[in-house]
Amino acid sequence: MNLLRIIFMITLLLITGGVAVAQQQTLKEIKIPYSLSWGDSIDKVREMIHAVKARETSCAEKSICKVVLEAEGLSIGDKLLKKSLFTFKDSSLIEIELQYDDPSWDAEKTVDFFDRTRRRIDERYGPGPLLVNKVKEHPPGDNIPKETTYTLIIYQWSQPTVNLELNYYSFEERDKSLRLVSLHYKTP
């Protein structure tokens, strides 16, 4: 009887281990958007922007040796992509941020888009851990109205060549609001 039980347990372990290996093999590699590579120059990114007839909206130094180039019109087949930001450190590409927005979205539609995007990414790359979960928090400071709140939720997927973060940010103040869903591709 014990021998049968041991054989059953070994068989079960082999089957479930095989399923886990099969699931790992189906996970895809996270690719850097626009066929770019880490370390690409600002000129190469500008060439790509012009090649697809998009437009550069700004390029500014945000801190010492860190430059951010913003572009619109890179939404090839994706009407919800509003802006792409390319961050360079010492003239080398280190991050790409894709910002998604729709003026007709209310809070519920924005959260729904965020959740659907997270589930699609989980299916492709495996479950991503929750890094930040701040919901309806009041910003610090004495001069900020009591009804002002913000929400920040961040998930992350890591692979050897790239980290991908999915962010949901909202800011609510009386009758004003801002909601943004963004993907951040970063060097590991």
Foldseek 3Di string as FASTA:
>chain_A
DVVVVVVVVVVVVVVVVVVVVVLQVQADDDDDPPPDAWFDFPVVVVVSCVVQPWDWDDWDAPDVQKIKIKIADPCVVNPQFGIWIFIGGNRTTFKIKTKGDDVPDDPVVLVVVLVVVQVVNCSRHNHWDKDDWDDQDDDDDDPGDPNKGKTWTKTWGDDQAWIKIWIWIKIDDDPDMDIIIMIMIGGD
